[in-house]
N, C-alpha and C. Protein backbone atom coordinates (compact mmCIF):
# COMPACT_ATOMS: atom_id res chain seq x y z
N MET A 1 63.48 -5.77 -24.24
CA MET A 1 63.91 -5.09 -25.48
C MET A 1 64.67 -3.83 -25.12
N GLN A 2 65.85 -3.63 -25.70
CA GLN A 2 66.69 -2.50 -25.40
C GLN A 2 66.52 -1.39 -26.42
N GLY A 3 66.64 -0.14 -25.95
CA GLY A 3 66.61 1.00 -26.85
C GLY A 3 65.22 1.37 -27.30
N GLU A 4 65.15 2.41 -28.13
CA GLU A 4 63.88 2.94 -28.62
C GLU A 4 63.39 2.12 -29.81
N PRO A 5 62.16 1.58 -29.76
CA PRO A 5 61.66 0.83 -30.92
C PRO A 5 61.47 1.75 -32.13
N PRO A 6 61.84 1.30 -33.32
CA PRO A 6 61.66 2.14 -34.51
C PRO A 6 60.19 2.31 -34.83
N ARG A 7 59.85 3.43 -35.47
CA ARG A 7 58.48 3.67 -35.89
C ARG A 7 58.04 2.54 -36.83
N HIS A 8 56.78 2.10 -36.67
CA HIS A 8 56.20 1.01 -37.45
C HIS A 8 56.90 -0.32 -37.20
N ALA A 9 57.53 -0.49 -36.04
CA ALA A 9 58.20 -1.75 -35.71
C ALA A 9 57.22 -2.90 -35.58
N ASN A 10 57.66 -4.10 -35.92
CA ASN A 10 56.85 -5.30 -35.72
C ASN A 10 57.23 -5.90 -34.37
N LEU A 11 56.35 -5.69 -33.38
CA LEU A 11 56.61 -6.15 -32.01
C LEU A 11 55.56 -7.17 -31.59
N THR A 12 55.12 -7.95 -32.55
CA THR A 12 54.10 -8.97 -32.30
C THR A 12 54.52 -9.90 -31.16
N GLY A 13 53.66 -10.01 -30.15
CA GLY A 13 53.90 -10.95 -29.05
C GLY A 13 55.00 -10.57 -28.09
N GLU A 14 55.56 -9.37 -28.20
CA GLU A 14 56.65 -8.97 -27.31
C GLU A 14 56.17 -8.83 -25.86
N ASN A 15 57.07 -9.11 -24.94
CA ASN A 15 56.76 -9.02 -23.52
C ASN A 15 57.43 -7.80 -22.90
N PHE A 16 56.61 -6.82 -22.50
CA PHE A 16 57.12 -5.61 -21.85
C PHE A 16 56.60 -5.50 -20.42
N GLU A 17 56.25 -6.62 -19.84
CA GLU A 17 55.63 -6.61 -18.52
C GLU A 17 56.53 -5.96 -17.46
N ARG A 18 55.92 -5.02 -16.71
CA ARG A 18 56.58 -4.29 -15.62
C ARG A 18 57.81 -3.50 -16.07
N ALA A 19 57.93 -3.22 -17.35
CA ALA A 19 59.07 -2.45 -17.86
C ALA A 19 58.88 -0.96 -17.64
N ASP A 20 59.99 -0.25 -17.51
CA ASP A 20 59.97 1.21 -17.43
C ASP A 20 60.06 1.74 -18.86
N LEU A 21 58.93 2.18 -19.39
CA LEU A 21 58.85 2.63 -20.78
C LEU A 21 58.34 4.07 -20.85
N ARG A 22 58.68 4.85 -19.85
CA ARG A 22 58.25 6.25 -19.83
C ARG A 22 58.80 6.99 -21.05
N GLY A 23 57.89 7.62 -21.80
CA GLY A 23 58.29 8.38 -22.98
C GLY A 23 58.64 7.55 -24.19
N ALA A 24 58.45 6.24 -24.15
CA ALA A 24 58.80 5.38 -25.29
C ALA A 24 57.90 5.67 -26.49
N ASN A 25 58.44 5.47 -27.68
CA ASN A 25 57.70 5.74 -28.91
C ASN A 25 57.35 4.44 -29.62
N PHE A 26 56.06 4.07 -29.56
CA PHE A 26 55.56 2.88 -30.26
C PHE A 26 54.65 3.29 -31.42
N SER A 27 54.79 4.48 -31.91
CA SER A 27 53.89 4.98 -32.95
C SER A 27 53.95 4.11 -34.20
N GLY A 28 52.78 3.72 -34.67
CA GLY A 28 52.69 2.91 -35.88
C GLY A 28 53.12 1.48 -35.74
N ALA A 29 53.47 1.05 -34.53
CA ALA A 29 53.99 -0.31 -34.33
C ALA A 29 52.89 -1.36 -34.43
N ASN A 30 53.28 -2.57 -34.82
CA ASN A 30 52.39 -3.72 -34.76
C ASN A 30 52.61 -4.40 -33.41
N LEU A 31 51.62 -4.24 -32.51
CA LEU A 31 51.73 -4.75 -31.15
C LEU A 31 50.76 -5.91 -30.92
N LEU A 32 50.46 -6.65 -31.97
CA LEU A 32 49.55 -7.78 -31.89
C LEU A 32 49.97 -8.73 -30.77
N GLY A 33 49.12 -8.89 -29.76
CA GLY A 33 49.39 -9.83 -28.68
C GLY A 33 50.50 -9.43 -27.73
N ALA A 34 51.00 -8.21 -27.84
CA ALA A 34 52.08 -7.77 -26.94
C ALA A 34 51.54 -7.54 -25.52
N SER A 35 52.39 -7.73 -24.52
CA SER A 35 51.97 -7.54 -23.14
C SER A 35 52.73 -6.39 -22.48
N PHE A 36 51.95 -5.43 -21.97
CA PHE A 36 52.48 -4.30 -21.21
C PHE A 36 51.95 -4.34 -19.78
N GLU A 37 51.62 -5.53 -19.29
CA GLU A 37 51.05 -5.68 -17.95
C GLU A 37 51.97 -5.04 -16.90
N GLY A 38 51.42 -4.12 -16.12
CA GLY A 38 52.16 -3.50 -15.04
C GLY A 38 53.28 -2.57 -15.46
N ALA A 39 53.37 -2.25 -16.74
CA ALA A 39 54.46 -1.38 -17.22
C ALA A 39 54.19 0.09 -16.89
N ASP A 40 55.26 0.87 -16.77
CA ASP A 40 55.14 2.32 -16.60
C ASP A 40 55.23 2.95 -17.98
N LEU A 41 54.10 3.44 -18.48
CA LEU A 41 54.01 3.99 -19.84
C LEU A 41 53.68 5.47 -19.82
N GLN A 42 54.15 6.14 -18.80
CA GLN A 42 53.91 7.58 -18.70
C GLN A 42 54.46 8.30 -19.93
N LYS A 43 53.60 9.06 -20.58
CA LYS A 43 53.94 9.85 -21.77
C LYS A 43 54.41 9.00 -22.95
N ALA A 44 54.13 7.70 -22.93
CA ALA A 44 54.47 6.84 -24.08
C ALA A 44 53.57 7.19 -25.27
N ASN A 45 54.09 6.99 -26.47
CA ASN A 45 53.37 7.34 -27.69
C ASN A 45 53.01 6.08 -28.47
N PHE A 46 51.70 5.81 -28.59
CA PHE A 46 51.20 4.66 -29.35
C PHE A 46 50.40 5.11 -30.57
N GLU A 47 50.59 6.33 -31.01
CA GLU A 47 49.79 6.87 -32.11
C GLU A 47 49.81 5.95 -33.33
N GLU A 48 48.62 5.60 -33.83
CA GLU A 48 48.42 4.78 -35.02
C GLU A 48 48.97 3.35 -34.87
N ALA A 49 49.21 2.91 -33.64
CA ALA A 49 49.68 1.54 -33.43
C ALA A 49 48.54 0.54 -33.60
N HIS A 50 48.89 -0.68 -33.94
CA HIS A 50 47.93 -1.78 -34.03
C HIS A 50 48.03 -2.58 -32.73
N ILE A 51 46.97 -2.57 -31.92
CA ILE A 51 47.06 -3.14 -30.57
C ILE A 51 46.11 -4.33 -30.37
N GLU A 52 45.74 -5.01 -31.44
CA GLU A 52 44.85 -6.16 -31.33
C GLU A 52 45.41 -7.20 -30.35
N ASP A 53 44.59 -7.58 -29.36
CA ASP A 53 44.93 -8.58 -28.35
C ASP A 53 46.11 -8.18 -27.46
N ALA A 54 46.50 -6.92 -27.49
CA ALA A 54 47.55 -6.44 -26.58
C ALA A 54 46.96 -6.25 -25.18
N SER A 55 47.82 -6.38 -24.17
CA SER A 55 47.36 -6.26 -22.80
C SER A 55 48.08 -5.14 -22.08
N PHE A 56 47.28 -4.21 -21.51
CA PHE A 56 47.80 -3.09 -20.74
C PHE A 56 47.29 -3.15 -19.30
N GLY A 57 46.92 -4.31 -18.83
CA GLY A 57 46.37 -4.46 -17.50
C GLY A 57 47.33 -3.96 -16.42
N ARG A 58 46.80 -3.16 -15.50
CA ARG A 58 47.56 -2.60 -14.37
C ARG A 58 48.73 -1.72 -14.79
N ALA A 59 48.75 -1.31 -16.05
CA ALA A 59 49.82 -0.41 -16.52
C ALA A 59 49.53 1.03 -16.11
N GLY A 60 50.58 1.84 -15.99
CA GLY A 60 50.44 3.26 -15.72
C GLY A 60 50.50 4.04 -17.03
N LEU A 61 49.40 4.72 -17.39
CA LEU A 61 49.31 5.39 -18.68
C LEU A 61 49.08 6.89 -18.51
N LEU A 62 49.76 7.48 -17.59
CA LEU A 62 49.64 8.92 -17.37
C LEU A 62 50.13 9.68 -18.60
N LEU A 63 49.26 10.50 -19.17
CA LEU A 63 49.59 11.36 -20.32
C LEU A 63 50.03 10.56 -21.56
N ALA A 64 49.64 9.29 -21.64
CA ALA A 64 50.00 8.48 -22.82
C ALA A 64 49.16 8.89 -24.03
N ASN A 65 49.71 8.65 -25.22
CA ASN A 65 49.05 9.03 -26.47
C ASN A 65 48.65 7.78 -27.25
N PHE A 66 47.31 7.55 -27.36
CA PHE A 66 46.77 6.43 -28.13
C PHE A 66 45.93 6.93 -29.30
N THR A 67 46.25 8.09 -29.81
CA THR A 67 45.50 8.66 -30.93
C THR A 67 45.53 7.73 -32.14
N ASN A 68 44.34 7.45 -32.68
CA ASN A 68 44.22 6.65 -33.90
C ASN A 68 44.73 5.22 -33.78
N VAL A 69 44.82 4.67 -32.57
CA VAL A 69 45.18 3.26 -32.45
C VAL A 69 44.02 2.40 -32.92
N LYS A 70 44.32 1.16 -33.28
CA LYS A 70 43.28 0.23 -33.73
C LYS A 70 43.51 -1.13 -33.10
N GLY A 71 42.40 -1.73 -32.62
CA GLY A 71 42.47 -3.10 -32.13
C GLY A 71 41.72 -3.32 -30.84
N ARG A 72 41.25 -4.52 -30.64
CA ARG A 72 40.58 -4.92 -29.41
C ARG A 72 41.65 -5.30 -28.40
N ALA A 73 41.73 -4.55 -27.32
CA ALA A 73 42.80 -4.74 -26.35
C ALA A 73 42.24 -4.85 -24.94
N PHE A 74 43.10 -5.18 -24.00
CA PHE A 74 42.74 -5.39 -22.60
C PHE A 74 43.44 -4.33 -21.75
N PHE A 75 42.62 -3.49 -21.06
CA PHE A 75 43.17 -2.41 -20.24
C PHE A 75 42.74 -2.51 -18.77
N SER A 76 42.09 -3.57 -18.37
CA SER A 76 41.51 -3.64 -17.03
C SER A 76 42.53 -3.34 -15.93
N TYR A 77 42.06 -2.57 -14.95
CA TYR A 77 42.84 -2.16 -13.78
C TYR A 77 44.01 -1.23 -14.11
N ALA A 78 44.06 -0.71 -15.32
CA ALA A 78 45.11 0.26 -15.67
C ALA A 78 44.81 1.62 -15.05
N TYR A 79 45.86 2.42 -14.86
CA TYR A 79 45.70 3.80 -14.39
C TYR A 79 45.94 4.71 -15.58
N ILE A 80 44.86 5.35 -16.06
CA ILE A 80 44.91 6.16 -17.28
C ILE A 80 44.47 7.57 -16.93
N TYR A 81 45.39 8.49 -16.84
CA TYR A 81 45.05 9.86 -16.43
C TYR A 81 45.55 10.85 -17.48
N GLU A 82 44.63 11.70 -17.95
CA GLU A 82 44.93 12.71 -18.97
C GLU A 82 45.59 12.09 -20.20
N ALA A 83 45.13 10.89 -20.57
CA ALA A 83 45.63 10.23 -21.78
C ALA A 83 44.77 10.61 -22.98
N ASN A 84 45.30 10.43 -24.16
CA ASN A 84 44.61 10.84 -25.39
C ASN A 84 44.29 9.63 -26.26
N PHE A 85 42.99 9.30 -26.36
CA PHE A 85 42.51 8.22 -27.22
C PHE A 85 41.67 8.78 -28.37
N THR A 86 41.92 10.01 -28.77
CA THR A 86 41.14 10.63 -29.84
C THR A 86 41.18 9.79 -31.11
N LYS A 87 39.99 9.53 -31.66
CA LYS A 87 39.82 8.77 -32.91
C LYS A 87 40.38 7.35 -32.84
N ALA A 88 40.55 6.83 -31.63
CA ALA A 88 40.98 5.44 -31.49
C ALA A 88 39.84 4.50 -31.87
N ASN A 89 40.17 3.34 -32.40
CA ASN A 89 39.18 2.29 -32.67
C ASN A 89 39.46 1.14 -31.71
N LEU A 90 38.68 1.09 -30.63
CA LEU A 90 38.88 0.08 -29.58
C LEU A 90 37.70 -0.89 -29.52
N THR A 91 37.04 -1.10 -30.63
CA THR A 91 35.84 -1.94 -30.68
C THR A 91 36.05 -3.25 -29.93
N GLY A 92 35.15 -3.51 -28.97
CA GLY A 92 35.17 -4.77 -28.24
C GLY A 92 36.21 -4.88 -27.15
N SER A 93 36.92 -3.80 -26.84
CA SER A 93 37.98 -3.84 -25.84
C SER A 93 37.44 -3.92 -24.41
N ASN A 94 38.28 -4.37 -23.49
CA ASN A 94 37.91 -4.47 -22.09
C ASN A 94 38.64 -3.39 -21.31
N LEU A 95 37.86 -2.42 -20.78
CA LEU A 95 38.41 -1.33 -19.97
C LEU A 95 37.72 -1.29 -18.60
N ASP A 96 37.41 -2.45 -18.05
CA ASP A 96 36.76 -2.53 -16.75
C ASP A 96 37.73 -2.15 -15.63
N TYR A 97 37.16 -1.65 -14.53
CA TYR A 97 37.91 -1.36 -13.30
C TYR A 97 39.09 -0.41 -13.54
N LEU A 98 38.85 0.64 -14.31
CA LEU A 98 39.92 1.59 -14.63
C LEU A 98 39.87 2.83 -13.76
N GLU A 99 41.02 3.46 -13.61
CA GLU A 99 41.13 4.86 -13.20
C GLU A 99 41.51 5.59 -14.47
N VAL A 100 40.53 6.24 -15.12
CA VAL A 100 40.77 6.83 -16.43
C VAL A 100 40.26 8.26 -16.49
N SER A 101 40.42 8.97 -15.39
CA SER A 101 39.86 10.32 -15.30
C SER A 101 40.56 11.33 -16.21
N TYR A 102 39.75 12.29 -16.67
CA TYR A 102 40.21 13.45 -17.42
C TYR A 102 41.03 13.09 -18.66
N SER A 103 40.59 12.06 -19.35
CA SER A 103 41.22 11.64 -20.60
C SER A 103 40.26 11.91 -21.75
N SER A 104 40.75 11.82 -22.98
CA SER A 104 39.92 12.12 -24.14
C SER A 104 39.73 10.90 -25.02
N PHE A 105 38.45 10.57 -25.29
CA PHE A 105 38.06 9.56 -26.26
C PHE A 105 37.25 10.23 -27.37
N LYS A 106 37.56 11.47 -27.66
CA LYS A 106 36.80 12.23 -28.64
C LYS A 106 36.83 11.54 -30.01
N GLU A 107 35.64 11.36 -30.59
CA GLU A 107 35.48 10.77 -31.92
C GLU A 107 36.04 9.35 -32.01
N ALA A 108 36.14 8.68 -30.88
CA ALA A 108 36.64 7.30 -30.87
C ALA A 108 35.53 6.31 -31.19
N ASN A 109 35.90 5.16 -31.75
CA ASN A 109 34.96 4.07 -31.96
C ASN A 109 35.09 3.11 -30.78
N LEU A 110 34.08 3.16 -29.90
CA LEU A 110 34.06 2.38 -28.67
C LEU A 110 32.90 1.39 -28.67
N THR A 111 32.53 0.96 -29.85
CA THR A 111 31.43 0.01 -30.00
C THR A 111 31.70 -1.27 -29.19
N GLY A 112 30.77 -1.60 -28.31
CA GLY A 112 30.89 -2.84 -27.55
C GLY A 112 31.97 -2.83 -26.48
N VAL A 113 32.56 -1.68 -26.20
CA VAL A 113 33.61 -1.60 -25.17
C VAL A 113 32.99 -1.66 -23.78
N SER A 114 33.65 -2.35 -22.87
CA SER A 114 33.18 -2.41 -21.49
C SER A 114 34.05 -1.54 -20.59
N PHE A 115 33.38 -0.56 -19.94
CA PHE A 115 34.03 0.31 -18.96
C PHE A 115 33.47 0.05 -17.56
N GLU A 116 32.91 -1.10 -17.32
CA GLU A 116 32.17 -1.35 -16.09
C GLU A 116 33.04 -1.17 -14.85
N HIS A 117 32.44 -0.57 -13.81
CA HIS A 117 33.12 -0.35 -12.52
C HIS A 117 34.37 0.53 -12.66
N SER A 118 34.36 1.47 -13.58
CA SER A 118 35.52 2.33 -13.79
C SER A 118 35.26 3.75 -13.29
N ARG A 119 36.33 4.46 -13.01
CA ARG A 119 36.26 5.87 -12.66
C ARG A 119 36.57 6.67 -13.92
N LEU A 120 35.55 7.38 -14.44
CA LEU A 120 35.66 8.07 -15.72
C LEU A 120 35.29 9.55 -15.58
N ASP A 121 35.55 10.10 -14.41
CA ASP A 121 35.18 11.49 -14.15
C ASP A 121 35.90 12.44 -15.10
N GLY A 122 35.12 13.35 -15.70
CA GLY A 122 35.70 14.37 -16.57
C GLY A 122 36.20 13.88 -17.91
N VAL A 123 35.90 12.64 -18.26
CA VAL A 123 36.38 12.10 -19.54
C VAL A 123 35.57 12.70 -20.70
N ASN A 124 36.25 12.96 -21.80
CA ASN A 124 35.62 13.54 -22.98
C ASN A 124 35.29 12.45 -24.00
N PHE A 125 33.97 12.19 -24.17
CA PHE A 125 33.48 11.22 -25.16
C PHE A 125 32.78 11.94 -26.32
N GLU A 126 33.09 13.19 -26.55
CA GLU A 126 32.40 13.97 -27.57
C GLU A 126 32.46 13.29 -28.94
N ARG A 127 31.30 13.12 -29.54
CA ARG A 127 31.13 12.53 -30.88
C ARG A 127 31.73 11.12 -30.99
N SER A 128 31.87 10.44 -29.88
CA SER A 128 32.35 9.06 -29.93
C SER A 128 31.20 8.09 -30.19
N ASN A 129 31.53 6.90 -30.67
CA ASN A 129 30.54 5.86 -30.91
C ASN A 129 30.61 4.84 -29.78
N LEU A 130 29.60 4.89 -28.90
CA LEU A 130 29.53 4.01 -27.74
C LEU A 130 28.37 3.01 -27.87
N THR A 131 28.02 2.68 -29.09
CA THR A 131 26.94 1.72 -29.33
C THR A 131 27.22 0.39 -28.63
N ASN A 132 26.22 -0.08 -27.86
CA ASN A 132 26.34 -1.36 -27.15
C ASN A 132 27.48 -1.40 -26.12
N SER A 133 27.97 -0.24 -25.71
CA SER A 133 29.02 -0.21 -24.69
C SER A 133 28.42 -0.41 -23.30
N ASN A 134 29.28 -0.77 -22.36
CA ASN A 134 28.83 -0.98 -20.99
C ASN A 134 29.56 -0.03 -20.05
N LEU A 135 28.82 0.95 -19.51
CA LEU A 135 29.36 1.92 -18.56
C LEU A 135 28.71 1.75 -17.18
N GLY A 136 28.14 0.59 -16.97
CA GLY A 136 27.42 0.34 -15.73
C GLY A 136 28.31 0.40 -14.50
N TYR A 137 27.75 0.90 -13.40
CA TYR A 137 28.44 0.98 -12.11
C TYR A 137 29.69 1.84 -12.14
N SER A 138 29.80 2.73 -13.11
CA SER A 138 30.97 3.59 -13.23
C SER A 138 30.68 5.00 -12.77
N SER A 139 31.72 5.73 -12.40
CA SER A 139 31.60 7.13 -12.03
C SER A 139 31.95 7.98 -13.24
N LEU A 140 30.99 8.81 -13.69
CA LEU A 140 31.15 9.63 -14.89
C LEU A 140 30.82 11.09 -14.59
N ALA A 141 31.15 11.53 -13.39
CA ALA A 141 30.85 12.90 -13.00
C ALA A 141 31.54 13.89 -13.95
N GLY A 142 30.76 14.79 -14.51
CA GLY A 142 31.31 15.81 -15.40
C GLY A 142 31.78 15.30 -16.75
N ALA A 143 31.47 14.06 -17.09
CA ALA A 143 31.88 13.52 -18.40
C ALA A 143 31.12 14.22 -19.52
N ASN A 144 31.76 14.31 -20.68
CA ASN A 144 31.17 14.99 -21.83
C ASN A 144 30.80 13.98 -22.92
N PHE A 145 29.47 13.82 -23.15
CA PHE A 145 28.97 12.93 -24.19
C PHE A 145 28.30 13.71 -25.32
N GLU A 146 28.68 14.94 -25.51
CA GLU A 146 28.02 15.77 -26.53
C GLU A 146 28.11 15.13 -27.91
N GLU A 147 26.94 14.94 -28.54
CA GLU A 147 26.80 14.35 -29.87
C GLU A 147 27.34 12.92 -29.95
N ALA A 148 27.50 12.25 -28.81
CA ALA A 148 27.95 10.86 -28.82
C ALA A 148 26.80 9.92 -29.18
N ASN A 149 27.15 8.77 -29.73
CA ASN A 149 26.16 7.74 -30.05
C ASN A 149 26.19 6.68 -28.96
N LEU A 150 25.14 6.68 -28.12
CA LEU A 150 25.03 5.74 -27.00
C LEU A 150 23.88 4.75 -27.23
N THR A 151 23.60 4.45 -28.48
CA THR A 151 22.52 3.53 -28.80
C THR A 151 22.74 2.18 -28.11
N GLU A 152 21.72 1.75 -27.35
CA GLU A 152 21.74 0.47 -26.64
C GLU A 152 22.91 0.36 -25.64
N ALA A 153 23.45 1.48 -25.20
CA ALA A 153 24.51 1.46 -24.19
C ALA A 153 23.91 1.18 -22.81
N THR A 154 24.71 0.59 -21.93
CA THR A 154 24.29 0.34 -20.56
C THR A 154 24.93 1.36 -19.63
N LEU A 155 24.08 2.13 -18.94
CA LEU A 155 24.54 3.13 -17.97
C LEU A 155 23.89 2.89 -16.61
N SER A 156 23.39 1.70 -16.40
CA SER A 156 22.70 1.39 -15.15
C SER A 156 23.64 1.48 -13.96
N HIS A 157 23.14 2.06 -12.88
CA HIS A 157 23.88 2.23 -11.63
C HIS A 157 25.12 3.13 -11.78
N ALA A 158 25.21 3.86 -12.89
CA ALA A 158 26.33 4.78 -13.09
C ALA A 158 26.05 6.11 -12.40
N SER A 159 27.11 6.79 -11.99
CA SER A 159 26.98 8.15 -11.46
C SER A 159 27.25 9.12 -12.60
N LEU A 160 26.21 9.85 -13.01
CA LEU A 160 26.30 10.77 -14.15
C LEU A 160 26.12 12.21 -13.69
N LEU A 161 26.60 12.48 -12.50
CA LEU A 161 26.50 13.81 -11.91
C LEU A 161 27.09 14.87 -12.83
N ASP A 162 26.25 15.83 -13.26
CA ASP A 162 26.69 16.95 -14.10
C ASP A 162 27.27 16.51 -15.45
N ALA A 163 26.94 15.32 -15.90
CA ALA A 163 27.41 14.87 -17.21
C ALA A 163 26.67 15.62 -18.32
N ASN A 164 27.33 15.78 -19.46
CA ASN A 164 26.77 16.52 -20.59
C ASN A 164 26.39 15.56 -21.72
N PHE A 165 25.07 15.45 -21.98
CA PHE A 165 24.56 14.59 -23.06
C PHE A 165 23.92 15.43 -24.17
N THR A 166 24.34 16.66 -24.32
CA THR A 166 23.75 17.53 -25.34
C THR A 166 23.85 16.89 -26.73
N LYS A 167 22.70 16.75 -27.38
CA LYS A 167 22.60 16.21 -28.74
C LYS A 167 23.09 14.75 -28.85
N ALA A 168 23.21 14.07 -27.73
CA ALA A 168 23.62 12.66 -27.77
C ALA A 168 22.45 11.77 -28.19
N ASN A 169 22.78 10.64 -28.79
CA ASN A 169 21.78 9.65 -29.18
C ASN A 169 21.78 8.53 -28.14
N LEU A 170 20.70 8.49 -27.33
CA LEU A 170 20.57 7.48 -26.29
C LEU A 170 19.43 6.50 -26.58
N THR A 171 19.21 6.25 -27.86
CA THR A 171 18.15 5.33 -28.27
C THR A 171 18.33 3.96 -27.60
N GLU A 172 17.32 3.55 -26.84
CA GLU A 172 17.33 2.26 -26.15
C GLU A 172 18.50 2.09 -25.19
N ALA A 173 19.12 3.19 -24.77
CA ALA A 173 20.15 3.11 -23.73
C ALA A 173 19.49 2.77 -22.39
N TRP A 174 20.19 2.08 -21.53
CA TRP A 174 19.66 1.59 -20.27
C TRP A 174 20.26 2.42 -19.13
N LEU A 175 19.42 3.22 -18.44
CA LEU A 175 19.86 4.10 -17.36
C LEU A 175 19.25 3.72 -16.01
N TRP A 176 18.85 2.48 -15.85
CA TRP A 176 18.21 2.04 -14.62
C TRP A 176 19.07 2.36 -13.40
N ASN A 177 18.49 3.07 -12.44
CA ASN A 177 19.12 3.40 -11.16
C ASN A 177 20.41 4.21 -11.31
N ALA A 178 20.54 4.95 -12.42
CA ALA A 178 21.69 5.85 -12.59
C ALA A 178 21.44 7.16 -11.84
N ASN A 179 22.49 7.79 -11.38
CA ASN A 179 22.39 9.10 -10.74
C ASN A 179 22.50 10.16 -11.82
N LEU A 180 21.38 10.84 -12.11
CA LEU A 180 21.33 11.83 -13.20
C LEU A 180 21.32 13.26 -12.67
N THR A 181 21.69 13.44 -11.42
CA THR A 181 21.67 14.78 -10.82
C THR A 181 22.53 15.75 -11.63
N GLY A 182 21.92 16.81 -12.12
CA GLY A 182 22.65 17.84 -12.85
C GLY A 182 23.02 17.47 -14.28
N ALA A 183 22.65 16.27 -14.73
CA ALA A 183 22.99 15.87 -16.10
C ALA A 183 22.19 16.69 -17.11
N ASP A 184 22.82 17.03 -18.22
CA ASP A 184 22.22 17.88 -19.25
C ASP A 184 21.86 17.04 -20.47
N PHE A 185 20.56 16.91 -20.75
CA PHE A 185 20.09 16.14 -21.90
C PHE A 185 19.50 17.04 -22.99
N THR A 186 19.99 18.27 -23.08
CA THR A 186 19.47 19.22 -24.06
C THR A 186 19.58 18.66 -25.48
N ASN A 187 18.44 18.57 -26.16
CA ASN A 187 18.38 18.09 -27.55
C ASN A 187 18.92 16.68 -27.73
N ALA A 188 18.95 15.92 -26.64
CA ALA A 188 19.38 14.52 -26.75
C ALA A 188 18.23 13.66 -27.24
N LYS A 189 18.55 12.55 -27.87
CA LYS A 189 17.54 11.60 -28.31
C LYS A 189 17.34 10.58 -27.20
N ILE A 190 16.31 10.83 -26.38
CA ILE A 190 16.02 10.00 -25.22
C ILE A 190 14.55 10.14 -24.88
N THR A 191 13.95 9.10 -24.35
CA THR A 191 12.53 9.14 -24.03
C THR A 191 12.32 9.36 -22.53
N GLU A 192 11.11 9.82 -22.20
CA GLU A 192 10.76 9.99 -20.80
C GLU A 192 10.78 8.65 -20.07
N GLU A 193 10.43 7.60 -20.75
CA GLU A 193 10.44 6.27 -20.14
C GLU A 193 11.84 5.87 -19.68
N GLN A 194 12.86 6.22 -20.48
CA GLN A 194 14.23 5.90 -20.10
C GLN A 194 14.66 6.63 -18.83
N LEU A 195 14.08 7.81 -18.61
CA LEU A 195 14.44 8.63 -17.46
C LEU A 195 13.52 8.39 -16.26
N LYS A 196 12.69 7.37 -16.35
CA LYS A 196 11.63 7.19 -15.37
C LYS A 196 12.12 6.73 -14.01
N PHE A 197 13.18 5.93 -13.96
CA PHE A 197 13.62 5.36 -12.70
C PHE A 197 15.09 5.67 -12.38
N PRO A 198 15.48 6.94 -12.46
CA PRO A 198 16.88 7.27 -12.12
C PRO A 198 17.07 7.27 -10.61
N ARG A 199 18.32 7.14 -10.17
CA ARG A 199 18.65 7.31 -8.77
C ARG A 199 18.92 8.78 -8.53
N THR A 200 18.39 9.38 -7.50
CA THR A 200 18.62 10.80 -7.23
C THR A 200 19.16 11.00 -5.83
């Protein structure tokens, strides 16, 4: 596809694989089933885009903007650094095996999202909904979960070094063999039983 896509464009099923799309504007676009596999999306803007069944596998998303996007999408093996997913609705999406450090998912709906085996150091999940999400085997050093909903989330074998869970809801969350060194659970909803077998 040549040139800048218009705002709210219908790009259903479009193929952007391995394309150079640095700074491209996809805001408000319908990207149903579109493929961005291996694309360079540095500073690309997807604000309010519909990304149901879109694929961003192995894409470069440095400083990309996904604010208020909606849809279950595939991001596995993508490189996501300092990207903005504030208030995104990614329910059921696959974000396994990511490099997604120092990005923001503040107030995002991440229900059922899988982040397994990902590097999530310094990521901001403040007030996000992570119900039934899978963060197992991931690195979350310094991550911020303040007031996040982690009901029935899986954090087993995760590294939670210095993570912030202040006022978070961890009802029935699974932390088996997680590294909780320096983690802050001030006023969090969590039981002693859940903290019984952490890795230290």
